[in-house]
């Protein structure tokens, strides 16, 4: 996942009611602590490309028991598309989330 992101990428959204914001490394740390999301189902809902910028909307189901809508902004840097920003919305809770919330707390430390 990491190679898709620009080194200065950011992430913003609310997870279980708490703001998750800052450098994208926070997401990488969360994934490193929690391991792979084996039940994840994701689909690209839309894309929009204008020259060297793009947006992508992704619908994610069962990411550690949660459903998300994620909006990515991309920039073509040195001929390669890089994600510059990830903004997400957490939908209704579909599974036990205390385990995921605990992982998020550990990743922030």
C-alpha atoms as a PDB file:
ATOM      1  CA  UNK A   1       0.000   0.000   0.000  1.00  0.00           C
ATOM      2  CA  UNK A   2       2.768   2.439   0.922  1.00  0.00           C
ATOM      3  CA  UNK A   3       4.201   2.854  -2.620  1.00  0.00           C
ATOM      4  CA  UNK A   4       0.854   4.267  -3.833  1.00  0.00           C
ATOM      5  CA  UNK A   5       1.164   7.275  -1.501  1.00  0.00           C
ATOM      6  CA  UNK A   6       3.347  10.353  -1.851  1.00  0.00           C
ATOM      7  CA  UNK A   7       5.861  10.674   0.998  1.00  0.00           C
ATOM      8  CA  UNK A   8       4.038  13.820   2.223  1.00  0.00           C
ATOM      9  CA  UNK A   9       0.489  12.389   1.936  1.00  0.00           C
ATOM     10  CA  UNK A  10      -2.081  13.025   4.659  1.00  0.00           C
ATOM     11  CA  UNK A  11      -5.161  11.293   6.047  1.00  0.00           C
ATOM     12  CA  UNK A  12      -8.322  12.731   7.606  1.00  0.00           C
ATOM     13  CA  UNK A  13     -11.554  11.222   8.871  1.00  0.00           C
ATOM     14  CA  UNK A  14     -13.489  10.154  11.938  1.00  0.00           C
ATOM     15  CA  UNK A  15     -13.004   6.642  13.285  1.00  0.00           C
ATOM     16  CA  UNK A  16     -15.437   5.587  16.021  1.00  0.00           C
ATOM     17  CA  UNK A  17     -16.174   9.291  16.571  1.00  0.00           C
ATOM     18  CA  UNK A  18     -12.536  10.333  17.045  1.00  0.00           C
ATOM     19  CA  UNK A  19     -10.681  12.453  14.500  1.00  0.00           C
ATOM     20  CA  UNK A  20      -7.908  10.493  12.773  1.00  0.00           C
ATOM     21  CA  UNK A  21      -5.739  13.116  11.088  1.00  0.00           C
ATOM     22  CA  UNK A  22      -2.168  13.747  10.101  1.00  0.00           C
ATOM     23  CA  UNK A  23       0.620  12.213   8.055  1.00  0.00           C
ATOM     24  CA  UNK A  24      -0.256   9.003   6.176  1.00  0.00           C
ATOM     25  CA  UNK A  25       2.288   7.160   8.333  1.00  0.00           C
ATOM     26  CA  UNK A  26      -0.522   6.946  10.927  1.00  0.00           C
ATOM     27  CA  UNK A  27      -2.438   4.641   8.576  1.00  0.00           C
ATOM     28  CA  UNK A  28       0.652   2.549   7.902  1.00  0.00           C
ATOM     29  CA  UNK A  29       1.252   2.180  11.652  1.00  0.00           C
ATOM     30  CA  UNK A  30      -2.381   1.151  12.179  1.00  0.00           C
ATOM     31  CA  UNK A  31      -2.124  -1.532   9.489  1.00  0.00           C
ATOM     32  CA  UNK A  32       1.239  -2.738  10.836  1.00  0.00           C
ATOM     33  CA  UNK A  33      -0.282  -3.219  14.317  1.00  0.00           C
ATOM     34  CA  UNK A  34      -3.496  -4.836  13.100  1.00  0.00           C
ATOM     35  CA  UNK A  35      -2.324  -7.005  10.251  1.00  0.00           C
ATOM     36  CA  UNK A  36      -4.156  -7.583   6.980  1.00  0.00           C
ATOM     37  CA  UNK A  37      -7.893  -6.961   6.624  1.00  0.00           C
ATOM     38  CA  UNK A  38      -8.649 -10.431   5.298  1.00  0.00           C
ATOM     39  CA  UNK A  39     -12.402  -9.883   4.815  1.00  0.00           C
ATOM     40  CA  UNK A  40     -12.066  -6.566   3.005  1.00  0.00           C
ATOM     41  CA  UNK A  41     -14.129  -6.010  -0.131  1.00  0.00           C
ATOM     42  CA  UNK A  42     -13.395  -2.788  -1.996  1.00  0.00           C
ATOM     43  CA  UNK A  43     -14.594  -1.291  -5.238  1.00  0.00           C
ATOM     44  CA  UNK A  44     -13.823   1.877  -7.138  1.00  0.00           C
ATOM     45  CA  UNK A  45     -17.072   3.846  -7.294  1.00  0.00           C
ATOM     46  CA  UNK A  46     -15.829   6.754  -9.391  1.00  0.00           C
ATOM     47  CA  UNK A  47     -12.782   8.444 -10.875  1.00  0.00           C
ATOM     48  CA  UNK A  48     -12.201  11.889 -12.300  1.00  0.00           C
ATOM     49  CA  UNK A  49      -8.981  12.826 -14.107  1.00  0.00           C
ATOM     50  CA  UNK A  50      -8.031  16.326 -15.197  1.00  0.00           C
ATOM     51  CA  UNK A  51      -4.513  16.540 -16.615  1.00  0.00           C
ATOM     52  CA  UNK A  52      -2.140  15.904 -13.722  1.00  0.00           C
ATOM     53  CA  UNK A  53      -4.770  15.649 -10.938  1.00  0.00           C
ATOM     54  CA  UNK A  54      -7.352  13.000 -10.156  1.00  0.00           C
ATOM     55  CA  UNK A  55      -9.921  11.971  -7.566  1.00  0.00           C
ATOM     56  CA  UNK A  56     -10.987   8.423  -6.786  1.00  0.00           C
ATOM     57  CA  UNK A  57     -13.906   7.329  -4.624  1.00  0.00           C
ATOM     58  CA  UNK A  58     -13.569   3.858  -3.079  1.00  0.00           C
ATOM     59  CA  UNK A  59     -16.272   1.941  -1.197  1.00  0.00           C
ATOM     60  CA  UNK A  60     -14.802  -0.462   1.366  1.00  0.00           C
ATOM     61  CA  UNK A  61     -16.835  -3.142   3.144  1.00  0.00           C
ATOM     62  CA  UNK A  62     -15.679  -5.174   6.136  1.00  0.00           C
ATOM     63  CA  UNK A  63     -12.427  -3.382   6.808  1.00  0.00           C
ATOM     64  CA  UNK A  64     -11.871  -4.744  10.320  1.00  0.00           C
ATOM     65  CA  UNK A  65     -15.648  -4.974  10.686  1.00  0.00           C
ATOM     66  CA  UNK A  66     -16.435  -1.495   9.377  1.00  0.00           C
ATOM     67  CA  UNK A  67     -17.680   0.103   6.179  1.00  0.00           C
ATOM     68  CA  UNK A  68     -15.989   3.192   4.745  1.00  0.00           C
ATOM     69  CA  UNK A  69     -16.226   5.583   1.843  1.00  0.00           C
ATOM     70  CA  UNK A  70     -12.778   6.927   0.988  1.00  0.00           C
ATOM     71  CA  UNK A  71     -11.926   9.842  -1.271  1.00  0.00           C
ATOM     72  CA  UNK A  72      -8.390   9.972  -2.638  1.00  0.00           C
ATOM     73  CA  UNK A  73      -6.776  12.937  -4.363  1.00  0.00           C
ATOM     74  CA  UNK A  74      -3.885  12.078  -6.653  1.00  0.00           C
ATOM     75  CA  UNK A  75      -1.183  14.039  -8.409  1.00  0.00           C
ATOM     76  CA  UNK A  76       1.006  12.893 -11.281  1.00  0.00           C
ATOM     77  CA  UNK A  77       4.550  13.351  -9.948  1.00  0.00           C
ATOM     78  CA  UNK A  78       7.462  12.680 -12.296  1.00  0.00           C
ATOM     79  CA  UNK A  79       5.117  10.723 -14.582  1.00  0.00           C
ATOM     80  CA  UNK A  80       3.725   8.538 -11.773  1.00  0.00           C
ATOM     81  CA  UNK A  81       0.343   8.837 -10.004  1.00  0.00           C
ATOM     82  CA  UNK A  82       0.687   9.309  -6.243  1.00  0.00           C
ATOM     83  CA  UNK A  83      -2.029   9.588  -3.593  1.00  0.00           C
ATOM     84  CA  UNK A  84      -1.641  12.959  -1.889  1.00  0.00           C
ATOM     85  CA  UNK A  85      -4.597  12.780   0.490  1.00  0.00           C
ATOM     86  CA  UNK A  86      -7.011  10.200   1.879  1.00  0.00           C
ATOM     87  CA  UNK A  87     -10.258  11.453   3.429  1.00  0.00           C
ATOM     88  CA  UNK A  88     -12.674   8.853   4.738  1.00  0.00           C
ATOM     89  CA  UNK A  89     -16.163   8.483   6.183  1.00  0.00           C
ATOM     90  CA  UNK A  90     -17.012   5.593   8.507  1.00  0.00           C
ATOM     91  CA  UNK A  91     -20.507   4.218   7.961  1.00  0.00           C
ATOM     92  CA  UNK A  92     -22.586   2.163  10.365  1.00  0.00           C
ATOM     93  CA  UNK A  93     -20.786  -0.325  12.524  1.00  0.00           C
ATOM     94  CA  UNK A  94     -21.126  -3.929  11.241  1.00  0.00           C
ATOM     95  CA  UNK A  95     -18.956  -5.820  13.727  1.00  0.00           C
ATOM     96  CA  UNK A  96     -17.143  -5.692  17.043  1.00  0.00           C
ATOM     97  CA  UNK A  97     -15.071  -2.535  16.973  1.00  0.00           C
ATOM     98  CA  UNK A  98     -13.380  -2.437  20.375  1.00  0.00           C
ATOM     99  CA  UNK A  99     -10.460  -4.463  19.005  1.00  0.00           C
ATOM    100  CA  UNK A 100     -10.021  -2.060  16.090  1.00  0.00           C
ATOM    101  CA  UNK A 101     -10.299   0.982  18.356  1.00  0.00           C
ATOM    102  CA  UNK A 102      -7.596  -0.480  20.588  1.00  0.00           C
ATOM    103  CA  UNK A 103      -5.312  -0.973  17.561  1.00  0.00           C
ATOM    104  CA  UNK A 104      -5.931   2.610  16.470  1.00  0.00           C
ATOM    105  CA  UNK A 105      -4.996   3.849  19.932  1.00  0.00           C
ATOM    106  CA  UNK A 106      -1.741   1.831  19.862  1.00  0.00           C
ATOM    107  CA  UNK A 107      -0.886   3.118  16.353  1.00  0.00           C
ATOM    108  CA  UNK A 108      -1.178   6.733  17.542  1.00  0.00           C
ATOM    109  CA  UNK A 109       1.382   6.223  20.330  1.00  0.00           C
END
